[in-house]
């Protein structure tokens, strides 16, 4: 029987690997992060089922606890939650127009959204969310 050749080793990461690394790097007790799969399928009865937050929404959706203080008396205010949307991409892959629109919408409404091509990119987005 002929020997099956070994797979060539990749020198680049796929998006799923980047997403896993990002999720591990940003894990913290002051937040919750969810994987947001977006797509559609047809069920056994022929019905179209759409899943995910919306077309173009980010791969990772995070609710970040943010604590503010009064600028006058420096009293700590009650914590608030801030939406963080992280789109994971490889080094060469670009956002779709729907993803660009979603990112712009989140940022314009006071959330933090961006593209992470590595764990440090995602950590920078999380740090931006912690600072008001």
C-alpha atoms as a PDB file:
ATOM      1  CA  UNK A   1       0.000   0.000   0.000  1.00  0.00           C
ATOM      2  CA  UNK A   2       1.426   3.425  -0.898  1.00  0.00           C
ATOM      3  CA  UNK A   3       2.424   5.677   1.944  1.00  0.00           C
ATOM      4  CA  UNK A   4       0.252   8.759   2.417  1.00  0.00           C
ATOM      5  CA  UNK A   5       2.404  11.892   2.277  1.00  0.00           C
ATOM      6  CA  UNK A   6       2.467  14.107   5.334  1.00  0.00           C
ATOM      7  CA  UNK A   7       0.738  17.451   5.182  1.00  0.00           C
ATOM      8  CA  UNK A   8       2.892  20.446   4.539  1.00  0.00           C
ATOM      9  CA  UNK A   9       3.385  22.609   7.601  1.00  0.00           C
ATOM     10  CA  UNK A  10       1.794  26.032   7.381  1.00  0.00           C
ATOM     11  CA  UNK A  11       3.773  29.106   8.240  1.00  0.00           C
ATOM     12  CA  UNK A  12       0.571  31.071   8.835  1.00  0.00           C
ATOM     13  CA  UNK A  13      -2.377  30.734  11.180  1.00  0.00           C
ATOM     14  CA  UNK A  14      -5.958  30.204  10.157  1.00  0.00           C
ATOM     15  CA  UNK A  15      -8.714  32.435  11.505  1.00  0.00           C
ATOM     16  CA  UNK A  16     -10.028  29.800  13.947  1.00  0.00           C
ATOM     17  CA  UNK A  17      -6.580  29.494  15.561  1.00  0.00           C
ATOM     18  CA  UNK A  18      -6.322  33.269  15.915  1.00  0.00           C
ATOM     19  CA  UNK A  19      -9.802  33.390  17.440  1.00  0.00           C
ATOM     20  CA  UNK A  20      -8.894  30.696  19.993  1.00  0.00           C
ATOM     21  CA  UNK A  21      -5.683  32.536  20.952  1.00  0.00           C
ATOM     22  CA  UNK A  22      -7.584  35.812  21.311  1.00  0.00           C
ATOM     23  CA  UNK A  23     -10.273  34.250  23.512  1.00  0.00           C
ATOM     24  CA  UNK A  24      -7.617  32.773  25.782  1.00  0.00           C
ATOM     25  CA  UNK A  25      -5.635  36.033  25.985  1.00  0.00           C
ATOM     26  CA  UNK A  26      -8.598  38.291  26.825  1.00  0.00           C
ATOM     27  CA  UNK A  27     -10.267  36.009  29.377  1.00  0.00           C
ATOM     28  CA  UNK A  28     -10.833  37.882  32.649  1.00  0.00           C
ATOM     29  CA  UNK A  29     -13.259  37.830  35.592  1.00  0.00           C
ATOM     30  CA  UNK A  30     -14.523  41.361  34.831  1.00  0.00           C
ATOM     31  CA  UNK A  31     -16.044  40.414  31.476  1.00  0.00           C
ATOM     32  CA  UNK A  32     -17.965  37.828  29.468  1.00  0.00           C
ATOM     33  CA  UNK A  33     -17.030  36.856  25.912  1.00  0.00           C
ATOM     34  CA  UNK A  34     -19.120  34.858  23.448  1.00  0.00           C
ATOM     35  CA  UNK A  35     -18.242  33.316  20.095  1.00  0.00           C
ATOM     36  CA  UNK A  36     -20.696  34.660  17.525  1.00  0.00           C
ATOM     37  CA  UNK A  37     -21.180  32.309  14.587  1.00  0.00           C
ATOM     38  CA  UNK A  38     -23.163  33.913  11.772  1.00  0.00           C
ATOM     39  CA  UNK A  39     -24.736  32.100   8.853  1.00  0.00           C
ATOM     40  CA  UNK A  40     -27.740  30.268   7.532  1.00  0.00           C
ATOM     41  CA  UNK A  41     -28.828  26.719   6.817  1.00  0.00           C
ATOM     42  CA  UNK A  42     -31.843  24.788   5.657  1.00  0.00           C
ATOM     43  CA  UNK A  43     -33.480  22.480   8.208  1.00  0.00           C
ATOM     44  CA  UNK A  44     -34.998  19.045   7.540  1.00  0.00           C
ATOM     45  CA  UNK A  45     -38.313  20.639   6.526  1.00  0.00           C
ATOM     46  CA  UNK A  46     -36.804  23.036   3.996  1.00  0.00           C
ATOM     47  CA  UNK A  47     -37.035  26.092   6.245  1.00  0.00           C
ATOM     48  CA  UNK A  48     -34.208  28.605   6.107  1.00  0.00           C
ATOM     49  CA  UNK A  49     -32.681  29.165   9.546  1.00  0.00           C
ATOM     50  CA  UNK A  50     -30.555  32.264  10.074  1.00  0.00           C
ATOM     51  CA  UNK A  51     -28.272  32.299  13.116  1.00  0.00           C
ATOM     52  CA  UNK A  52     -25.903  34.746  14.758  1.00  0.00           C
ATOM     53  CA  UNK A  53     -26.280  38.332  15.906  1.00  0.00           C
ATOM     54  CA  UNK A  54     -26.591  39.879  12.410  1.00  0.00           C
ATOM     55  CA  UNK A  55     -24.858  39.775   9.045  1.00  0.00           C
ATOM     56  CA  UNK A  56     -21.437  41.363   9.458  1.00  0.00           C
ATOM     57  CA  UNK A  57     -21.354  41.089  13.239  1.00  0.00           C
ATOM     58  CA  UNK A  58     -17.997  40.368  14.876  1.00  0.00           C
ATOM     59  CA  UNK A  59     -16.617  36.910  15.671  1.00  0.00           C
ATOM     60  CA  UNK A  60     -16.322  37.668  19.380  1.00  0.00           C
ATOM     61  CA  UNK A  61     -18.846  39.689  21.373  1.00  0.00           C
ATOM     62  CA  UNK A  62     -17.731  40.824  24.815  1.00  0.00           C
ATOM     63  CA  UNK A  63     -19.373  42.642  27.675  1.00  0.00           C
ATOM     64  CA  UNK A  64     -16.648  44.528  29.540  1.00  0.00           C
ATOM     65  CA  UNK A  65     -17.149  45.874  33.049  1.00  0.00           C
ATOM     66  CA  UNK A  66     -15.993  49.488  33.276  1.00  0.00           C
ATOM     67  CA  UNK A  67     -15.651  51.419  36.529  1.00  0.00           C
ATOM     68  CA  UNK A  68     -15.612  55.212  36.335  1.00  0.00           C
ATOM     69  CA  UNK A  69     -14.928  57.849  38.939  1.00  0.00           C
ATOM     70  CA  UNK A  70     -16.396  61.292  39.435  1.00  0.00           C
ATOM     71  CA  UNK A  71     -13.938  63.849  38.031  1.00  0.00           C
ATOM     72  CA  UNK A  72     -14.705  66.294  40.868  1.00  0.00           C
ATOM     73  CA  UNK A  73     -14.651  64.204  44.027  1.00  0.00           C
ATOM     74  CA  UNK A  74     -12.966  61.031  42.697  1.00  0.00           C
ATOM     75  CA  UNK A  75     -15.806  58.881  44.075  1.00  0.00           C
ATOM     76  CA  UNK A  76     -16.150  55.562  42.272  1.00  0.00           C
ATOM     77  CA  UNK A  77     -19.396  55.380  40.306  1.00  0.00           C
ATOM     78  CA  UNK A  78     -21.466  52.215  39.828  1.00  0.00           C
ATOM     79  CA  UNK A  79     -19.963  49.951  37.148  1.00  0.00           C
ATOM     80  CA  UNK A  80     -21.346  49.875  33.621  1.00  0.00           C
ATOM     81  CA  UNK A  81     -21.060  47.327  30.830  1.00  0.00           C
ATOM     82  CA  UNK A  82     -19.457  48.226  27.524  1.00  0.00           C
ATOM     83  CA  UNK A  83     -19.859  46.272  24.297  1.00  0.00           C
ATOM     84  CA  UNK A  84     -16.642  45.082  22.679  1.00  0.00           C
ATOM     85  CA  UNK A  85     -16.825  43.491  19.215  1.00  0.00           C
ATOM     86  CA  UNK A  86     -13.693  41.751  17.963  1.00  0.00           C
ATOM     87  CA  UNK A  87     -13.424  40.545  14.378  1.00  0.00           C
ATOM     88  CA  UNK A  88     -10.576  38.052  14.050  1.00  0.00           C
ATOM     89  CA  UNK A  89      -8.754  37.987  10.731  1.00  0.00           C
ATOM     90  CA  UNK A  90      -5.616  36.481   9.276  1.00  0.00           C
ATOM     91  CA  UNK A  91      -2.783  38.778   8.220  1.00  0.00           C
ATOM     92  CA  UNK A  92      -4.043  39.070   4.652  1.00  0.00           C
ATOM     93  CA  UNK A  93      -7.830  38.736   4.931  1.00  0.00           C
ATOM     94  CA  UNK A  94      -9.933  41.904   4.706  1.00  0.00           C
ATOM     95  CA  UNK A  95     -13.259  42.834   6.268  1.00  0.00           C
ATOM     96  CA  UNK A  96     -16.413  42.608   4.199  1.00  0.00           C
ATOM     97  CA  UNK A  97     -18.480  45.777   3.697  1.00  0.00           C
ATOM     98  CA  UNK A  98     -21.043  44.359   6.183  1.00  0.00           C
ATOM     99  CA  UNK A  99     -18.298  43.867   8.792  1.00  0.00           C
ATOM    100  CA  UNK A 100     -16.978  47.403   8.236  1.00  0.00           C
ATOM    101  CA  UNK A 101     -20.505  48.755   8.699  1.00  0.00           C
ATOM    102  CA  UNK A 102     -21.014  46.763  11.926  1.00  0.00           C
ATOM    103  CA  UNK A 103     -17.662  47.969  13.306  1.00  0.00           C
ATOM    104  CA  UNK A 104     -18.535  51.573  12.491  1.00  0.00           C
ATOM    105  CA  UNK A 105     -21.971  51.261  14.080  1.00  0.00           C
ATOM    106  CA  UNK A 106     -20.618  49.818  17.347  1.00  0.00           C
ATOM    107  CA  UNK A 107     -17.915  52.498  17.592  1.00  0.00           C
ATOM    108  CA  UNK A 108     -20.348  55.321  16.791  1.00  0.00           C
ATOM    109  CA  UNK A 109     -22.724  54.214  19.566  1.00  0.00           C
ATOM    110  CA  UNK A 110     -20.077  54.117  22.299  1.00  0.00           C
ATOM    111  CA  UNK A 111     -18.892  50.530  22.068  1.00  0.00           C
ATOM    112  CA  UNK A 112     -15.461  49.378  21.005  1.00  0.00           C
ATOM    113  CA  UNK A 113     -15.074  47.368  17.816  1.00  0.00           C
ATOM    114  CA  UNK A 114     -12.043  46.446  15.775  1.00  0.00           C
ATOM    115  CA  UNK A 115     -10.075  43.814  13.920  1.00  0.00           C
ATOM    116  CA  UNK A 116      -7.653  41.548  15.765  1.00  0.00           C
ATOM    117  CA  UNK A 117      -5.016  39.728  13.760  1.00  0.00           C
ATOM    118  CA  UNK A 118      -3.292  38.584  16.949  1.00  0.00           C
ATOM    119  CA  UNK A 119      -3.824  38.377  20.722  1.00  0.00           C
ATOM    120  CA  UNK A 120      -2.020  41.728  21.331  1.00  0.00           C
ATOM    121  CA  UNK A 121      -4.427  43.436  18.897  1.00  0.00           C
ATOM    122  CA  UNK A 122      -7.387  42.103  20.896  1.00  0.00           C
ATOM    123  CA  UNK A 123      -5.824  43.101  24.218  1.00  0.00           C
ATOM    124  CA  UNK A 124      -5.470  46.661  22.881  1.00  0.00           C
ATOM    125  CA  UNK A 125      -9.193  46.725  22.051  1.00  0.00           C
ATOM    126  CA  UNK A 126     -10.079  45.466  25.534  1.00  0.00           C
ATOM    127  CA  UNK A 127      -7.831  48.098  27.124  1.00  0.00           C
ATOM    128  CA  UNK A 128      -9.519  50.773  25.020  1.00  0.00           C
ATOM    129  CA  UNK A 129     -12.895  49.555  26.334  1.00  0.00           C
ATOM    130  CA  UNK A 130     -11.720  49.739  29.958  1.00  0.00           C
ATOM    131  CA  UNK A 131     -10.734  53.389  29.507  1.00  0.00           C
ATOM    132  CA  UNK A 132     -13.734  55.551  28.946  1.00  0.00           C
END
